[in-house]
Protein backbone atom coordinates (compact mmCIF):
# COMPACT_ATOMS: atom_id res chain seq x y z
CA MET A 1 -162.55 -49.03 -22.78
CA SER A 2 -160.30 -47.28 -19.40
CA GLU A 3 -158.75 -50.69 -19.48
CA LEU A 4 -157.60 -50.49 -23.52
CA GLN A 5 -156.74 -46.81 -22.79
CA SER A 6 -154.16 -47.06 -19.54
CA THR A 7 -152.87 -50.16 -21.79
CA PHE A 8 -152.14 -48.08 -24.38
CA ALA A 9 -150.63 -45.20 -21.77
CA LEU A 10 -148.32 -47.66 -20.18
CA ILE A 11 -147.32 -48.90 -23.98
CA LYS A 12 -146.65 -45.33 -25.13
CA SER A 13 -144.62 -44.52 -22.19
CA LYS A 14 -142.29 -47.69 -22.00
CA ALA A 15 -142.01 -46.91 -25.68
CA GLU A 16 -140.99 -43.53 -25.01
CA ALA A 17 -138.44 -44.94 -22.71
CA ARG A 18 -136.94 -47.55 -24.28
CA GLN A 19 -136.46 -44.81 -27.75
CA SER A 20 -134.80 -42.72 -25.28
CA ASP A 21 -132.32 -45.80 -23.91
CA LEU A 22 -131.51 -46.77 -28.31
CA GLU A 23 -130.77 -43.16 -28.90
CA GLN A 24 -128.07 -43.17 -26.07
CA THR A 25 -127.16 -46.24 -26.30
CA LEU A 26 -126.20 -45.19 -30.59
CA THR A 27 -124.77 -42.18 -29.34
CA VAL A 28 -122.26 -43.83 -27.16
CA ALA A 29 -122.06 -46.36 -29.75
CA GLU A 30 -120.65 -43.43 -32.51
CA LYS A 31 -118.16 -42.65 -29.96
CA PHE A 32 -116.56 -45.81 -29.15
CA TRP A 33 -116.31 -46.96 -32.83
CA ASP A 34 -114.74 -43.40 -33.47
CA ASN A 35 -111.75 -45.07 -30.77
CA VAL A 36 -111.51 -47.54 -32.34
CA ASN A 37 -111.14 -46.57 -36.02
CA SER A 38 -108.56 -44.01 -34.46
CA VAL A 39 -106.51 -46.04 -32.67
CA SER A 40 -107.13 -48.40 -35.89
CA ALA A 41 -105.53 -46.20 -37.97
CA THR A 42 -102.90 -45.20 -35.25
CA LEU A 43 -101.62 -49.01 -34.97
CA LYS A 44 -101.36 -49.29 -38.71
CA GLU A 45 -99.38 -46.03 -38.88
CA LEU A 46 -96.68 -47.21 -35.89
CA GLN A 47 -96.99 -50.41 -38.47
CA ASP A 48 -96.51 -48.91 -41.35
CA ASN A 49 -93.32 -46.88 -39.90
CA VAL A 50 -91.80 -50.29 -38.21
CA THR A 51 -91.34 -51.93 -41.83
CA ASN A 52 -90.29 -48.41 -43.61
CA ALA A 53 -87.88 -48.35 -40.65
CA GLU A 54 -83.95 -49.50 -41.61
CA PRO A 55 -82.69 -52.45 -40.25
CA PRO A 56 -80.32 -51.23 -37.42
CA GLY A 57 -77.16 -49.94 -37.68
CA LEU A 58 -73.73 -51.31 -36.96
CA GLU A 59 -71.63 -47.96 -35.85
CA VAL A 60 -72.19 -45.83 -33.06
CA ASP A 61 -73.78 -42.78 -34.84
CA SER A 62 -76.53 -44.71 -37.04
CA LEU A 63 -77.50 -46.43 -33.67
CA HIS A 64 -77.81 -43.33 -32.12
CA VAL A 65 -79.58 -41.42 -35.07
CA GLN A 66 -82.42 -44.69 -35.52
CA GLN A 67 -82.50 -44.07 -31.36
CA ASP A 68 -83.20 -40.15 -32.02
CA VAL A 69 -86.22 -41.50 -34.12
CA LEU A 70 -87.63 -43.60 -32.65
CA GLU A 71 -88.04 -42.10 -29.40
CA VAL A 72 -89.61 -38.62 -31.42
CA LEU A 73 -91.76 -41.90 -32.83
CA PHE A 74 -93.62 -43.05 -29.20
CA SER A 75 -93.32 -39.68 -28.20
CA TRP A 76 -96.50 -39.38 -30.25
CA LEU A 77 -98.03 -42.15 -28.19
């Protein structure tokens, strides 16, 4: 009977340790996916900005305005 109790205690201890490890892993995984979703949203926003941007200007003043706009966009990164 004592051997059975010892085996049970060992299994219980290992199961509790595994549960703790899995809970820690879940916390890290949730943070990871939050970061992935944030990066994906930022990339989508940048892609939309590039897609909707006006074509390059042919005049110097137009080029300077577009350059200023792009500098503001990239300063967010």
